[in-house]
Each structure stands twice: as C-alpha cells, then as structure tokens.
C-alpha atoms as a PDB file:
ATOM      1  CA  MET A   1    -143.282 193.124 -47.515  1.00  0.00           C
ATOM      2  CA  ARG A   2    -140.789 192.012 -44.878  1.00  0.00           C
ATOM      3  CA  VAL A   3    -140.627 195.556 -43.465  1.00  0.00           C
ATOM      4  CA  LEU A   4    -144.416 195.605 -43.156  1.00  0.00           C
ATOM      5  CA  HIS A   5    -144.417 192.336 -41.180  1.00  0.00           C
ATOM      6  CA  LEU A   6    -141.681 193.678 -38.914  1.00  0.00           C
ATOM      7  CA  SER A   7    -143.649 196.907 -38.305  1.00  0.00           C
ATOM      8  CA  VAL A   8    -146.851 195.034 -37.526  1.00  0.00           C
ATOM      9  CA  PHE A   9    -144.941 192.683 -35.199  1.00  0.00           C
ATOM     10  CA  THR A  10    -143.298 195.632 -33.418  1.00  0.00           C
ATOM     11  CA  LEU A  11    -146.653 197.391 -33.052  1.00  0.00           C
ATOM     12  CA  PHE A  12    -148.179 194.165 -31.688  1.00  0.00           C
ATOM     13  CA  ILE A  13    -145.391 193.780 -29.093  1.00  0.00           C
ATOM     14  CA  LEU A  14    -145.704 197.427 -28.032  1.00  0.00           C
ATOM     15  CA  SER A  15    -149.480 197.034 -27.683  1.00  0.00           C
ATOM     16  CA  ILE A  16    -149.069 193.947 -25.505  1.00  0.00           C
ATOM     17  CA  SER A  17    -146.474 195.746 -23.394  1.00  0.00           C
ATOM     18  CA  ALA A  18    -148.723 198.784 -22.924  1.00  0.00           C
ATOM     19  CA  PHE A  19    -151.694 196.555 -22.064  1.00  0.00           C
ATOM     20  CA  ALA A  20    -149.649 194.627 -19.520  1.00  0.00           C
ATOM     21  CA  GLN A  21    -148.491 197.825 -17.841  1.00  0.00           C
ATOM     22  CA  GLU A  22    -152.002 199.274 -17.822  1.00  0.00           C
ATOM     23  CA  SER A  23    -153.655 196.100 -16.552  1.00  0.00           C
ATOM     24  CA  ASN A  24    -151.037 195.758 -13.821  1.00  0.00           C
ATOM     25  CA  LEU A  25    -152.168 199.115 -12.498  1.00  0.00           C
ATOM     26  CA  ARG A  26    -155.902 198.503 -12.770  1.00  0.00           C
ATOM     27  CA  VAL A  27    -156.562 194.779 -12.431  1.00  0.00           C
ATOM     28  CA  GLY A  28    -156.015 192.655  -9.362  1.00  0.00           C
ATOM     29  CA  SER A  29    -156.139 193.643  -5.725  1.00  0.00           C
ATOM     30  CA  SER A  30    -157.388 196.980  -4.485  1.00  0.00           C
ATOM     31  CA  SER A  31    -153.838 198.169  -3.886  1.00  0.00           C
ATOM     32  CA  ARG A  32    -151.852 199.501  -6.786  1.00  0.00           C
ATOM     33  CA  VAL A  33    -148.155 200.112  -6.562  1.00  0.00           C
ATOM     34  CA  GLN A  34    -146.457 202.384  -9.047  1.00  0.00           C
ATOM     35  CA  ALA A  35    -143.221 200.769 -10.140  1.00  0.00           C
ATOM     36  CA  GLY A  36    -140.097 202.826  -9.617  1.00  0.00           C
ATOM     37  CA  GLY A  37    -141.529 204.980  -6.852  1.00  0.00           C
ATOM     38  CA  ALA A  38    -143.032 204.796  -3.428  1.00  0.00           C
ATOM     39  CA  TYR A  39    -146.619 205.596  -4.367  1.00  0.00           C
ATOM     40  CA  TYR A  40    -149.393 203.384  -3.007  1.00  0.00           C
ATOM     41  CA  ASP A  41    -153.072 203.620  -3.878  1.00  0.00           C
ATOM     42  CA  PHE A  42    -155.500 202.085  -1.376  1.00  0.00           C
ATOM     43  CA  SER A  43    -158.321 204.386  -2.417  1.00  0.00           C
ATOM     44  CA  ASP A  44    -161.971 203.467  -2.175  1.00  0.00           C
ATOM     45  CA  PRO A  45    -163.753 204.227  -5.475  1.00  0.00           C
ATOM     46  CA  ASN A  46    -167.038 204.773  -3.599  1.00  0.00           C
ATOM     47  CA  ALA A  47    -165.650 207.234  -1.038  1.00  0.00           C
ATOM     48  CA  VAL A  48    -163.710 210.463  -0.752  1.00  0.00           C
ATOM     49  CA  ASN A  49    -159.968 209.811  -0.670  1.00  0.00           C
ATOM     50  CA  MET A  50    -156.976 211.760   0.589  1.00  0.00           C
ATOM     51  CA  LYS A  51    -153.230 211.815   0.062  1.00  0.00           C
ATOM     52  CA  ILE A  52    -150.867 211.375   3.003  1.00  0.00           C
ATOM     53  CA  SER A  53    -147.194 210.545   3.388  1.00  0.00           C
ATOM     54  CA  VAL A  54    -145.575 207.958   5.637  1.00  0.00           C
ATOM     55  CA  TRP A  55    -141.931 208.637   6.505  1.00  0.00           C
ATOM     56  CA  GLY A  56    -139.330 206.949   8.628  1.00  0.00           C
ATOM     57  CA  TYR A  57    -139.059 203.428   9.928  1.00  0.00           C
ATOM     58  CA  ALA A  58    -142.125 201.899   8.268  1.00  0.00           C
ATOM     59  CA  ARG A  59    -141.737 198.804   6.098  1.00  0.00           C
ATOM     60  CA  ASN A  60    -143.102 200.672   3.041  1.00  0.00           C
ATOM     61  CA  PRO A  61    -142.686 204.430   3.477  1.00  0.00           C
ATOM     62  CA  GLY A  62    -144.036 206.643   0.719  1.00  0.00           C
ATOM     63  CA  ARG A  63    -147.040 208.527  -0.597  1.00  0.00           C
ATOM     64  CA  TYR A  64    -150.461 206.954   0.015  1.00  0.00           C
ATOM     65  CA  ILE A  65    -153.968 207.540  -1.274  1.00  0.00           C
ATOM     66  CA  LEU A  66    -156.350 206.398   1.471  1.00  0.00           C
ATOM     67  CA  PRO A  67    -160.038 206.848   2.249  1.00  0.00           C
ATOM     68  CA  VAL A  68    -160.919 209.853   4.392  1.00  0.00           C
ATOM     69  CA  ASN A  69    -161.344 208.967   8.092  1.00  0.00           C
ATOM     70  CA  THR A  70    -158.441 206.529   8.011  1.00  0.00           C
ATOM     71  CA  SER A  71    -156.931 206.245  11.465  1.00  0.00           C
ATOM     72  CA  VAL A  72    -153.240 206.437  12.253  1.00  0.00           C
ATOM     73  CA  LEU A  73    -153.191 202.738  13.115  1.00  0.00           C
ATOM     74  CA  GLU A  74    -154.773 201.849   9.776  1.00  0.00           C
ATOM     75  CA  ALA A  75    -152.225 204.008   7.916  1.00  0.00           C
ATOM     76  CA  ILE A  76    -149.359 202.291   9.730  1.00  0.00           C
ATOM     77  CA  SER A  77    -150.904 198.955   8.752  1.00  0.00           C
ATOM     78  CA  TYR A  78    -151.185 200.037   5.099  1.00  0.00           C
ATOM     79  CA  ALA A  79    -147.489 200.952   5.276  1.00  0.00           C
ATOM     80  CA  GLY A  80    -146.632 197.394   6.330  1.00  0.00           C
ATOM     81  CA  GLY A  81    -146.233 198.193  10.012  1.00  0.00           C
ATOM     82  CA  PRO A  82    -143.201 199.584  11.797  1.00  0.00           C
ATOM     83  CA  ASN A  83    -139.687 198.236  11.305  1.00  0.00           C
ATOM     84  CA  ASP A  84    -137.865 196.617  14.194  1.00  0.00           C
ATOM     85  CA  ASP A  85    -135.902 199.852  14.667  1.00  0.00           C
ATOM     86  CA  ALA A  86    -138.975 202.141  14.974  1.00  0.00           C
ATOM     87  CA  LEU A  87    -139.487 204.035  18.208  1.00  0.00           C
ATOM     88  CA  LEU A  88    -143.208 203.609  18.792  1.00  0.00           C
ATOM     89  CA  GLU A  89    -143.241 205.892  21.830  1.00  0.00           C
ATOM     90  CA  ASP A  90    -142.577 208.908  19.570  1.00  0.00           C
ATOM     91  CA  VAL A  91    -144.904 208.557  16.552  1.00  0.00           C
ATOM     92  CA  ARG A  92    -145.717 211.968  15.075  1.00  0.00           C
ATOM     93  CA  ILE A  93    -148.204 213.528  12.702  1.00  0.00           C
ATOM     94  CA  MET A  94    -147.095 216.710  10.972  1.00  0.00           C
ATOM     95  CA  ARG A  95    -150.181 218.673   9.952  1.00  0.00           C
ATOM     96  CA  LEU A  96    -150.410 221.975   8.090  1.00  0.00           C
ATOM     97  CA  LYS A  97    -153.146 224.161   9.577  1.00  0.00           C
ATOM     98  CA  SER A  98    -155.365 226.518   7.599  1.00  0.00           C
ATOM     99  CA  ASP A  99    -153.309 229.526   8.787  1.00  0.00           C
ATOM    100  CA  SER A 100    -150.126 227.962   7.263  1.00  0.00           C
ATOM    101  CA  THR A 101    -148.629 227.023  10.616  1.00  0.00           C
ATOM    102  CA  GLN A 102    -147.472 223.517  11.237  1.00  0.00           C
ATOM    103  CA  GLU A 103    -148.786 221.364  14.053  1.00  0.00           C
ATOM    104  CA  ILE A 104    -146.975 218.302  15.371  1.00  0.00           C
ATOM    105  CA  ILE A 105    -149.077 215.704  17.161  1.00  0.00           C
ATOM    106  CA  LYS A 106    -147.165 213.085  19.176  1.00  0.00           C
ATOM    107  CA  PHE A 107    -148.355 209.650  20.252  1.00  0.00           C
ATOM    108  CA  ASP A 108    -147.034 206.767  22.288  1.00  0.00           C
ATOM    109  CA  TYR A 109    -148.092 203.579  20.521  1.00  0.00           C
ATOM    110  CA  ASN A 110    -146.272 201.370  22.997  1.00  0.00           C
ATOM    111  CA  GLN A 111    -149.542 201.627  24.912  1.00  0.00           C
ATOM    112  CA  LEU A 112    -150.989 199.215  22.373  1.00  0.00           C
ATOM    113  CA  LEU A 113    -148.358 196.621  23.177  1.00  0.00           C
ATOM    114  CA  HIS A 114    -147.966 196.898  26.926  1.00  0.00           C
ATOM    115  CA  GLU A 115    -150.990 198.450  28.621  1.00  0.00           C
ATOM    116  CA  GLN A 116    -154.460 197.118  29.328  1.00  0.00           C
ATOM    117  CA  SER A 117    -156.383 200.283  28.435  1.00  0.00           C
ATOM    118  CA  ILE A 118    -155.684 202.476  25.440  1.00  0.00           C
ATOM    119  CA  SER A 119    -156.340 206.184  25.575  1.00  0.00           C
ATOM    120  CA  LYS A 120    -159.150 207.383  23.331  1.00  0.00           C
ATOM    121  CA  ALA A 121    -156.793 209.882  21.646  1.00  0.00           C
ATOM    122  CA  VAL A 122    -154.530 207.094  20.417  1.00  0.00           C
ATOM    123  CA  LYS A 123    -157.340 204.815  19.294  1.00  0.00           C
ATOM    124  CA  ASP A 124    -159.524 207.346  17.444  1.00  0.00           C
ATOM    125  CA  THR A 125    -157.034 209.724  15.821  1.00  0.00           C
ATOM    126  CA  LYS A 126    -157.997 210.262  12.189  1.00  0.00           C
ATOM    127  CA  LEU A 127    -155.618 211.521   9.537  1.00  0.00           C
ATOM    128  CA  GLN A 128    -156.403 214.556   7.418  1.00  0.00           C
ATOM    129  CA  PRO A 129    -155.470 215.245   3.790  1.00  0.00           C
ATOM    130  CA  GLY A 130    -151.826 216.265   3.464  1.00  0.00           C
ATOM    131  CA  ASP A 131    -150.723 214.801   6.805  1.00  0.00           C
ATOM    132  CA  VAL A 132    -147.237 213.379   7.151  1.00  0.00           C
ATOM    133  CA  LEU A 133    -147.034 210.367   9.459  1.00  0.00           C
ATOM    134  CA  LEU A 134    -143.530 210.000  10.864  1.00  0.00           C
ATOM    135  CA  LEU A 135    -142.261 206.802  12.498  1.00  0.00           C
ATOM    136  CA  PRO A 136    -138.910 207.831  14.000  1.00  0.00           C
ATOM    137  CA  GLY A 137    -136.310 205.281  14.926  1.00  0.00           C
ATOM    138  CA  GLU A 138    -132.665 204.462  15.219  1.00  0.00           C
ATOM    139  CA  PRO A 139    -130.657 201.464  14.100  1.00  0.00           C
ATOM    140  CA  ARG A 140    -130.261 198.940  16.870  1.00  0.00           C
ATOM    141  CA  PHE A 141    -127.308 196.650  17.282  1.00  0.00           C
ATOM    142  CA  TYR A 142    -127.929 193.111  18.389  1.00  0.00           C
ATOM    143  CA  PHE A 143    -125.436 190.614  19.760  1.00  0.00           C
ATOM    144  CA  LYS A 144    -124.903 189.116  16.293  1.00  0.00           C
ATOM    145  CA  ASP A 145    -124.002 192.595  14.980  1.00  0.00           C
ATOM    146  CA  TYR A 146    -121.329 193.031  17.667  1.00  0.00           C
ATOM    147  CA  ILE A 147    -119.949 189.566  16.877  1.00  0.00           C
ATOM    148  CA  SER A 148    -119.854 190.373  13.158  1.00  0.00           C
ATOM    149  CA  ILE A 149    -117.999 193.661  13.718  1.00  0.00           C
ATOM    150  CA  THR A 150    -115.556 192.022  16.129  1.00  0.00           C
ATOM    151  CA  VAL A 151    -114.800 189.155  13.717  1.00  0.00           C
ATOM    152  CA  SER A 152    -114.266 191.626  10.851  1.00  0.00           C
ATOM    153  CA  VAL A 153    -111.831 193.761  12.856  1.00  0.00           C
ATOM    154  CA  VAL A 154    -109.919 190.738  14.199  1.00  0.00           C
ATOM    155  CA  SER A 155    -109.625 189.134  10.749  1.00  0.00           C
ATOM    156  CA  THR A 156    -108.379 192.435   9.280  1.00  0.00           C
ATOM    157  CA  LEU A 157    -105.748 192.744  12.018  1.00  0.00           C
ATOM    158  CA  ILE A 158    -104.640 189.122  11.487  1.00  0.00           C
ATOM    159  CA  SER A 159    -104.364 189.696   7.720  1.00  0.00           C
ATOM    160  CA  LEU A 160    -102.289 192.848   8.249  1.00  0.00           C
ATOM    161  CA  THR A 161    -100.039 191.018  10.730  1.00  0.00           C
ATOM    162  CA  ILE A 162     -99.462 188.187   8.244  1.00  0.00           C
ATOM    163  CA  LEU A 163     -98.732 190.721   5.482  1.00  0.00           C
ATOM    164  CA  ILE A 164     -96.186 192.578   7.658  1.00  0.00           C
ATOM    165  CA  ILE A 165     -94.496 189.329   8.692  1.00  0.00           C
ATOM    166  CA  THR A 166     -94.318 188.181   5.058  1.00  0.00           C
ATOM    167  CA  ILE A 167     -92.820 191.494   3.929  1.00  0.00           C
ATOM    168  CA  ALA A 168     -90.323 191.528   6.835  1.00  0.00           C
ATOM    169  CA  LYS A 169     -89.036 188.011   6.006  1.00  0.00           C
ATOM    170  CA  LYS A 170     -88.186 188.987   2.444  1.00  0.00           C
END
C-alpha cells in the first residue's frame, strides 16, 4: 500500500512539473522564451510568421519567430536593442536569394541617432524569412577599464617584489 501511495505521489509531482513547463510556454505574455537556448517566439497567431536570426552585439541574440513584414528596426527592438559595443554604422542583413547566392545588405543606423531626416531605405526595410540580421561590434575600453588593468598590473608587480625581497632575506 505504501508503494502505491509513493507511485501516485510521484505521478502527481511529475504531472505538476509537466503542467508548469507547458503553461510557462503557453500562458502569459505574447513572447515565449525556450529555456536553455536562444529561441524567441514573438509570432502573431492571426498572421503569417517567419523565422530569422539575430547575431552579434544585440542584447538577446538568437533565433526569432516574427510576423512577416517585420522591419529591421522592429527586429532589433525584439532582440533588446544593440549593446553598447555595437557598431550601428555597419548593420547587415545576410539574405539567401532564390538562385542560392547570398546577398549582404548594409545599413547605417547612426542616421537614426544623429540626423534630422532618415533615408527611406533604412526606415522601410522589411526582413524576409531566413534572413540573418548581424549587429557587428567590438569591445570598447573605457577609462575605468584602463584603471582596472593598471591597478591589477601594479598590484601584481608589488606582490612579486615583496615575494622576491622576502625570499632574498631568508
């Protein structure tokens, strides 16, 4: 009888666990995030959706399911926006054409930040299924980073000097 209670209890716990995992994926906001991977679903159940990828210096790079006719700016917003290290003057879309050749489309999104008028190409560019949106970048060092590196090197040299002096005295 005790084994039966244990089996029923185990089955009950597993059912609750499965329900919690399932409801986490289906209940709540319109965005679903698959745990353990970079897969984001912002699909519209009443529209045609497409899969794209966001690579590089975005806050949340990964695979996205988005409604068709999503613009590049909207996709960058879905990805959490660019990191501080992103180079917005060199945003690229890698697109596979029907003849199996690859097309690279480049944009300068610094126009959005610094200029009064935005070119129509930047504003109205729509993504297509299978596109890869690339936000290139490079790590930037700030004054605090230089201070941190300098303090680390100086403290290491002081420690080595103290160690050598201690060893030499003995």
